[in-house]
Amino acid sequence: MIIKNASVKLETRGNFDIKDITSEVQRAVGASDVDTGIVNVFVAGATGALTTIECESGLLSDFKKFFEDIIPMDGEYEHDLSHAGKNGHSHVR
């Protein structure tokens, strides 16, 4: 079994910044010289997340609005009681 590792570094603008990483993953796969296999994508961090959605501006706006409606930034979160960062909404999202 051949195992290859690659990293992609991204800069984000903070709360609910969405990045399309499709081309970065495609480049990493292409550079691997592996013809057949499985790609495992992992995000390190307690508030980062991966999803598979169509990267279309209207949908991205809808996605952000949906999360603000069900998990608002200014909501009350138990996590905020024990952490000065006040980022309970980020962990729940």
N, C-alpha and C. Protein backbone atom coordinates (compact mmCIF):
# COMPACT_ATOMS: atom_id res chain seq x y z
N MET A 1 0.85 -1.17 0.00
CA MET A 1 0.00 0.00 0.00
C MET A 1 0.89 1.24 0.00
N ILE A 2 0.57 2.16 -0.86
CA ILE A 2 1.30 3.43 -0.95
C ILE A 2 0.50 4.49 -0.20
N ILE A 3 1.18 5.21 0.66
CA ILE A 3 0.55 6.31 1.39
C ILE A 3 1.33 7.58 1.08
N LYS A 4 0.62 8.60 0.66
CA LYS A 4 1.23 9.91 0.37
C LYS A 4 0.55 10.94 1.25
N ASN A 5 1.32 11.92 1.69
CA ASN A 5 0.78 13.01 2.50
C ASN A 5 1.07 14.35 1.82
N ALA A 6 0.15 15.24 1.94
CA ALA A 6 0.33 16.61 1.44
C ALA A 6 -0.43 17.55 2.36
N SER A 7 0.03 18.77 2.41
CA SER A 7 -0.64 19.78 3.23
C SER A 7 -1.04 20.97 2.38
N VAL A 8 -2.14 21.56 2.74
CA VAL A 8 -2.60 22.79 2.11
C VAL A 8 -2.77 23.81 3.22
N LYS A 9 -2.12 24.94 3.10
CA LYS A 9 -2.24 25.98 4.11
C LYS A 9 -3.15 27.08 3.56
N LEU A 10 -4.10 27.49 4.38
CA LEU A 10 -5.06 28.52 3.99
C LEU A 10 -5.07 29.64 5.02
N GLU A 11 -5.35 30.83 4.57
CA GLU A 11 -5.59 31.94 5.47
C GLU A 11 -7.08 32.25 5.40
N THR A 12 -7.68 32.46 6.55
CA THR A 12 -9.09 32.79 6.58
C THR A 12 -9.29 34.15 7.24
N ARG A 13 -10.46 34.70 7.03
CA ARG A 13 -10.80 36.01 7.59
C ARG A 13 -11.61 35.88 8.86
N GLY A 14 -11.63 34.71 9.44
CA GLY A 14 -12.34 34.55 10.69
C GLY A 14 -13.71 33.95 10.51
N ASN A 15 -14.62 34.37 11.36
CA ASN A 15 -15.93 33.75 11.47
C ASN A 15 -16.61 33.50 10.14
N PHE A 16 -16.90 32.26 9.88
CA PHE A 16 -17.65 31.76 8.74
C PHE A 16 -17.04 32.13 7.40
N ASP A 17 -15.73 32.17 7.31
CA ASP A 17 -15.07 32.34 6.03
C ASP A 17 -15.10 30.98 5.32
N ILE A 18 -15.60 30.94 4.10
CA ILE A 18 -15.71 29.70 3.35
C ILE A 18 -14.66 29.70 2.24
N LYS A 19 -13.91 28.62 2.15
CA LYS A 19 -12.88 28.47 1.13
C LYS A 19 -13.17 27.25 0.27
N ASP A 20 -13.09 27.40 -1.03
CA ASP A 20 -13.21 26.27 -1.95
C ASP A 20 -11.81 25.70 -2.12
N ILE A 21 -11.58 24.48 -1.64
CA ILE A 21 -10.25 23.88 -1.69
C ILE A 21 -10.14 22.81 -2.78
N THR A 22 -11.11 22.76 -3.68
CA THR A 22 -11.13 21.74 -4.72
C THR A 22 -9.83 21.72 -5.52
N SER A 23 -9.39 22.87 -6.02
CA SER A 23 -8.19 22.90 -6.87
C SER A 23 -6.93 22.52 -6.09
N GLU A 24 -6.86 22.90 -4.80
CA GLU A 24 -5.70 22.51 -3.99
C GLU A 24 -5.63 21.00 -3.80
N VAL A 25 -6.80 20.38 -3.56
CA VAL A 25 -6.84 18.92 -3.40
C VAL A 25 -6.49 18.25 -4.72
N GLN A 26 -7.01 18.76 -5.83
CA GLN A 26 -6.69 18.21 -7.15
C GLN A 26 -5.19 18.29 -7.43
N ARG A 27 -4.56 19.41 -7.10
CA ARG A 27 -3.12 19.56 -7.31
C ARG A 27 -2.34 18.55 -6.47
N ALA A 28 -2.74 18.39 -5.21
CA ALA A 28 -2.04 17.44 -4.33
C ALA A 28 -2.17 16.02 -4.86
N VAL A 29 -3.35 15.66 -5.34
CA VAL A 29 -3.56 14.32 -5.89
C VAL A 29 -2.71 14.15 -7.15
N GLY A 30 -2.73 15.16 -8.01
CA GLY A 30 -1.93 15.08 -9.25
C GLY A 30 -0.44 14.95 -8.99
N ALA A 31 0.04 15.63 -7.97
CA ALA A 31 1.47 15.59 -7.63
C ALA A 31 1.87 14.30 -6.92
N SER A 32 0.90 13.51 -6.50
CA SER A 32 1.19 12.30 -5.73
C SER A 32 1.70 11.15 -6.58
N ASP A 33 1.48 11.19 -7.89
CA ASP A 33 1.83 10.09 -8.80
C ASP A 33 1.12 8.79 -8.43
N VAL A 34 -0.02 8.88 -7.76
CA VAL A 34 -0.84 7.71 -7.45
C VAL A 34 -2.04 7.74 -8.40
N ASP A 35 -2.27 6.62 -9.10
CA ASP A 35 -3.35 6.57 -10.09
C ASP A 35 -4.71 6.22 -9.49
N THR A 36 -4.73 5.38 -8.47
CA THR A 36 -5.98 4.91 -7.88
C THR A 36 -5.84 4.94 -6.37
N GLY A 37 -6.86 5.46 -5.70
CA GLY A 37 -6.79 5.49 -4.25
C GLY A 37 -7.92 6.29 -3.63
N ILE A 38 -7.72 6.63 -2.40
CA ILE A 38 -8.69 7.39 -1.62
C ILE A 38 -8.00 8.64 -1.09
N VAL A 39 -8.71 9.75 -1.12
CA VAL A 39 -8.20 10.99 -0.56
C VAL A 39 -8.92 11.25 0.75
N ASN A 40 -8.16 11.49 1.79
CA ASN A 40 -8.71 11.84 3.09
C ASN A 40 -8.33 13.29 3.37
N VAL A 41 -9.32 14.15 3.51
CA VAL A 41 -9.08 15.57 3.78
C VAL A 41 -9.46 15.83 5.23
N PHE A 42 -8.56 16.47 5.96
CA PHE A 42 -8.74 16.70 7.39
C PHE A 42 -8.42 18.15 7.69
N VAL A 43 -9.23 18.77 8.53
CA VAL A 43 -8.95 20.13 8.97
C VAL A 43 -8.59 20.07 10.46
N ALA A 44 -7.44 20.62 10.79
CA ALA A 44 -7.01 20.67 12.18
C ALA A 44 -7.63 21.90 12.84
N GLY A 45 -8.05 21.76 14.05
CA GLY A 45 -8.63 22.90 14.76
C GLY A 45 -10.01 22.59 15.29
N ALA A 46 -10.35 23.24 16.37
CA ALA A 46 -11.61 22.96 17.05
C ALA A 46 -12.81 23.64 16.40
N THR A 47 -12.58 24.65 15.56
CA THR A 47 -13.71 25.37 14.98
C THR A 47 -13.71 25.33 13.46
N GLY A 48 -12.79 24.61 12.85
CA GLY A 48 -12.78 24.44 11.40
C GLY A 48 -13.68 23.29 11.01
N ALA A 49 -14.13 23.28 9.76
CA ALA A 49 -15.01 22.21 9.29
C ALA A 49 -14.85 22.03 7.79
N LEU A 50 -15.17 20.83 7.33
CA LEU A 50 -15.20 20.52 5.91
C LEU A 50 -16.61 20.11 5.53
N THR A 51 -17.01 20.51 4.35
CA THR A 51 -18.30 20.08 3.83
C THR A 51 -18.20 19.96 2.33
N THR A 52 -19.15 19.30 1.74
CA THR A 52 -19.21 19.22 0.28
C THR A 52 -20.51 19.88 -0.15
N ILE A 53 -20.36 21.10 -0.64
CA ILE A 53 -21.51 21.83 -1.18
C ILE A 53 -21.09 22.46 -2.50
N GLU A 54 -22.05 22.83 -3.29
CA GLU A 54 -21.77 23.53 -4.53
C GLU A 54 -21.25 24.92 -4.18
N CYS A 55 -20.13 25.28 -4.75
CA CYS A 55 -19.52 26.58 -4.43
C CYS A 55 -20.09 27.65 -5.37
N GLU A 56 -21.31 28.05 -5.08
CA GLU A 56 -22.04 29.04 -5.87
C GLU A 56 -22.42 30.17 -4.93
N SER A 57 -22.24 31.42 -5.35
CA SER A 57 -22.38 32.56 -4.43
C SER A 57 -23.72 32.61 -3.71
N GLY A 58 -24.82 32.33 -4.39
CA GLY A 58 -26.13 32.36 -3.75
C GLY A 58 -26.23 31.29 -2.67
N LEU A 59 -25.74 30.10 -2.98
CA LEU A 59 -25.78 29.01 -2.01
C LEU A 59 -24.89 29.33 -0.81
N LEU A 60 -23.72 29.91 -1.05
CA LEU A 60 -22.83 30.27 0.06
C LEU A 60 -23.50 31.29 0.97
N SER A 61 -24.20 32.26 0.40
CA SER A 61 -24.94 33.24 1.20
C SER A 61 -26.05 32.57 1.99
N ASP A 62 -26.78 31.65 1.33
CA ASP A 62 -27.84 30.92 2.01
C ASP A 62 -27.29 30.08 3.16
N PHE A 63 -26.14 29.46 2.94
CA PHE A 63 -25.50 28.62 3.95
C PHE A 63 -25.13 29.45 5.18
N LYS A 64 -24.54 30.61 4.96
CA LYS A 64 -24.17 31.49 6.07
C LYS A 64 -25.42 31.96 6.82
N LYS A 65 -26.46 32.34 6.08
CA LYS A 65 -27.69 32.80 6.72
C LYS A 65 -28.33 31.68 7.53
N PHE A 66 -28.35 30.47 6.99
CA PHE A 66 -28.91 29.32 7.69
C PHE A 66 -28.22 29.13 9.04
N PHE A 67 -26.88 29.16 9.06
CA PHE A 67 -26.17 28.96 10.32
C PHE A 67 -26.37 30.12 11.29
N GLU A 68 -26.47 31.33 10.77
CA GLU A 68 -26.73 32.47 11.66
C GLU A 68 -28.14 32.37 12.25
N ASP A 69 -29.09 31.84 11.48
CA ASP A 69 -30.46 31.67 11.97
C ASP A 69 -30.54 30.62 13.08
N ILE A 70 -29.86 29.48 12.90
CA ILE A 70 -29.99 28.39 13.88
C ILE A 70 -28.92 28.43 14.97
N ILE A 71 -27.77 29.05 14.68
CA ILE A 71 -26.68 29.13 15.67
C ILE A 71 -26.12 30.55 15.61
N PRO A 72 -26.85 31.52 16.16
CA PRO A 72 -26.43 32.93 16.04
C PRO A 72 -25.15 33.24 16.83
N MET A 73 -24.38 34.17 16.29
CA MET A 73 -23.14 34.60 16.95
C MET A 73 -23.43 35.17 18.33
N ASP A 74 -24.54 35.87 18.47
CA ASP A 74 -24.83 36.53 19.74
C ASP A 74 -25.72 35.68 20.65
N GLY A 75 -25.82 34.38 20.35
CA GLY A 75 -26.60 33.49 21.20
C GLY A 75 -25.90 33.22 22.53
N GLU A 76 -26.58 32.54 23.42
CA GLU A 76 -26.01 32.19 24.72
C GLU A 76 -25.48 30.76 24.66
N TYR A 77 -24.19 30.60 24.95
CA TYR A 77 -23.54 29.30 24.88
C TYR A 77 -22.79 29.02 26.18
N GLU A 78 -22.98 27.86 26.73
CA GLU A 78 -22.32 27.48 27.98
C GLU A 78 -20.80 27.59 27.85
N HIS A 79 -20.29 27.28 26.69
CA HIS A 79 -18.84 27.36 26.45
C HIS A 79 -18.31 28.76 26.77
N ASP A 80 -19.09 29.77 26.46
CA ASP A 80 -18.65 31.15 26.68
C ASP A 80 -18.50 31.50 28.16
N LEU A 81 -19.17 30.75 29.03
CA LEU A 81 -19.07 31.01 30.46
C LEU A 81 -17.69 30.65 31.01
N SER A 82 -17.04 29.69 30.37
CA SER A 82 -15.74 29.23 30.88
C SER A 82 -14.56 29.66 30.00
N HIS A 83 -14.82 30.35 28.92
CA HIS A 83 -13.75 30.78 28.02
C HIS A 83 -13.93 32.25 27.66
N ALA A 84 -12.87 33.00 27.73
CA ALA A 84 -12.93 34.44 27.45
C ALA A 84 -13.13 34.73 25.97
N GLY A 85 -12.87 33.75 25.09
CA GLY A 85 -12.94 33.98 23.65
C GLY A 85 -14.33 34.23 23.11
N LYS A 86 -15.35 33.84 23.85
CA LYS A 86 -16.74 34.03 23.41
C LYS A 86 -16.97 33.47 22.00
N ASN A 87 -16.47 32.24 21.78
CA ASN A 87 -16.63 31.64 20.48
C ASN A 87 -17.43 30.34 20.52
N GLY A 88 -18.34 30.25 21.47
CA GLY A 88 -19.17 29.06 21.59
C GLY A 88 -19.92 28.76 20.30
N HIS A 89 -20.40 29.80 19.63
CA HIS A 89 -21.11 29.60 18.36
C HIS A 89 -20.22 28.92 17.32
N SER A 90 -18.95 29.25 17.31
CA SER A 90 -18.02 28.65 16.35
C SER A 90 -17.86 27.14 16.59
N HIS A 91 -17.79 26.75 17.84
CA HIS A 91 -17.65 25.34 18.16
C HIS A 91 -18.92 24.57 17.80
N VAL A 92 -20.09 25.16 18.06
CA VAL A 92 -21.35 24.49 17.77
C VAL A 92 -21.55 24.37 16.26
N ARG A 93 -21.19 25.41 15.53
CA ARG A 93 -21.34 25.38 14.06
C ARG A 93 -20.46 24.31 13.48
